[in-house]
Amino acid sequence: MANKSPIQFINEVRAEASKVTWPSRKETLITTAMVFLLVIVASIFFLVVDKAIFFMLGILLG
């Protein structure tokens, strides 16, 4: 890699950042809600699996 001046680096970063397609506020809110929903669903799933394993071990081990 060739050494670049800080000014050239900043200009290249700005050029690349201008190419980024930023999500809208609505898309961000929907995505955030989906993440929270999936976290809740995964938490419930693992709670149920944990309780089932605990119950089965209790039966097996007396």
C-alpha atoms as a PDB file:
ATOM      1  CA  MET A   1       0.000   0.000   0.000  1.00  0.00           C
ATOM      2  CA  ALA A   2       1.284   3.383  -0.945  1.00  0.00           C
ATOM      3  CA  ASN A   3       1.375   6.076   1.679  1.00  0.00           C
ATOM      4  CA  LYS A   4      -1.399   8.590   1.162  1.00  0.00           C
ATOM      5  CA  SER A   5      -1.708  12.055   2.534  1.00  0.00           C
ATOM      6  CA  PRO A   6      -4.343  12.538   5.256  1.00  0.00           C
ATOM      7  CA  ILE A   7      -6.261  14.925   2.995  1.00  0.00           C
ATOM      8  CA  GLN A   8      -6.417  12.367   0.182  1.00  0.00           C
ATOM      9  CA  PHE A   9      -7.519   9.693   2.656  1.00  0.00           C
ATOM     10  CA  ILE A  10     -10.324  11.900   4.010  1.00  0.00           C
ATOM     11  CA  ASN A  11     -11.490  12.703   0.474  1.00  0.00           C
ATOM     12  CA  GLU A  12     -11.606   9.002  -0.385  1.00  0.00           C
ATOM     13  CA  VAL A  13     -13.535   8.224   2.803  1.00  0.00           C
ATOM     14  CA  ARG A  14     -16.072  10.950   1.962  1.00  0.00           C
ATOM     15  CA  ALA A  15     -16.426   9.591  -1.578  1.00  0.00           C
ATOM     16  CA  GLU A  16     -17.082   6.073  -0.279  1.00  0.00           C
ATOM     17  CA  ALA A  17     -19.489   7.301   2.422  1.00  0.00           C
ATOM     18  CA  SER A  18     -21.524   9.141  -0.216  1.00  0.00           C
ATOM     19  CA  LYS A  19     -22.057   5.792  -2.011  1.00  0.00           C
ATOM     20  CA  VAL A  20     -23.682   4.233   1.051  1.00  0.00           C
ATOM     21  CA  THR A  21     -27.446   3.771   0.928  1.00  0.00           C
ATOM     22  CA  TRP A  22     -28.633   4.706   4.397  1.00  0.00           C
ATOM     23  CA  PRO A  23     -31.879   3.154   5.679  1.00  0.00           C
ATOM     24  CA  SER A  24     -34.856   5.390   6.251  1.00  0.00           C
ATOM     25  CA  ARG A  25     -36.211   6.047   9.730  1.00  0.00           C
ATOM     26  CA  LYS A  26     -39.116   3.647   9.071  1.00  0.00           C
ATOM     27  CA  GLU A  27     -36.778   0.856   7.919  1.00  0.00           C
ATOM     28  CA  THR A  28     -34.619   1.352  10.999  1.00  0.00           C
ATOM     29  CA  LEU A  29     -37.613   1.179  13.348  1.00  0.00           C
ATOM     30  CA  ILE A  30     -39.000  -1.937  11.652  1.00  0.00           C
ATOM     31  CA  THR A  31     -35.620  -3.672  11.745  1.00  0.00           C
ATOM     32  CA  THR A  32     -35.147  -2.759  15.407  1.00  0.00           C
ATOM     33  CA  ALA A  33     -38.607  -4.097  16.268  1.00  0.00           C
ATOM     34  CA  MET A  34     -37.850  -7.349  14.446  1.00  0.00           C
ATOM     35  CA  VAL A  35     -34.604  -7.769  16.362  1.00  0.00           C
ATOM     36  CA  PHE A  36     -36.389  -7.279  19.696  1.00  0.00           C
ATOM     37  CA  LEU A  37     -39.147  -9.704  18.645  1.00  0.00           C
ATOM     38  CA  LEU A  38     -36.623 -12.374  17.648  1.00  0.00           C
ATOM     39  CA  VAL A  39     -34.746 -11.903  20.926  1.00  0.00           C
ATOM     40  CA  ILE A  40     -37.976 -12.450  22.852  1.00  0.00           C
ATOM     41  CA  VAL A  41     -38.878 -15.535  20.782  1.00  0.00           C
ATOM     42  CA  ALA A  42     -35.386 -17.010  21.204  1.00  0.00           C
ATOM     43  CA  SER A  43     -35.477 -16.326  24.951  1.00  0.00           C
ATOM     44  CA  ILE A  44     -38.809 -18.099  25.324  1.00  0.00           C
ATOM     45  CA  PHE A  45     -37.577 -21.019  23.217  1.00  0.00           C
ATOM     46  CA  PHE A  46     -34.448 -21.493  25.297  1.00  0.00           C
ATOM     47  CA  LEU A  47     -36.439 -21.119  28.529  1.00  0.00           C
ATOM     48  CA  VAL A  48     -38.806 -23.897  27.431  1.00  0.00           C
ATOM     49  CA  VAL A  49     -35.925 -26.145  26.317  1.00  0.00           C
ATOM     50  CA  ASP A  50     -34.072 -25.521  29.590  1.00  0.00           C
ATOM     51  CA  LYS A  51     -37.157 -26.341  31.675  1.00  0.00           C
ATOM     52  CA  ALA A  52     -37.811 -29.489  29.611  1.00  0.00           C
ATOM     53  CA  ILE A  53     -34.245 -30.730  30.063  1.00  0.00           C
ATOM     54  CA  PHE A  54     -34.382 -29.922  33.779  1.00  0.00           C
ATOM     55  CA  PHE A  55     -37.677 -31.826  34.089  1.00  0.00           C
ATOM     56  CA  MET A  56     -36.355 -34.861  32.184  1.00  0.00           C
ATOM     57  CA  LEU A  57     -33.164 -34.966  34.245  1.00  0.00           C
ATOM     58  CA  GLY A  58     -35.262 -34.766  37.397  1.00  0.00           C
ATOM     59  CA  ILE A  59     -37.254 -37.808  36.265  1.00  0.00           C
ATOM     60  CA  LEU A  60     -34.149 -39.765  35.206  1.00  0.00           C
ATOM     61  CA  LEU A  61     -32.110 -39.014  38.305  1.00  0.00           C
ATOM     62  CA  GLY A  62     -35.014 -39.258  40.729  1.00  0.00           C
END
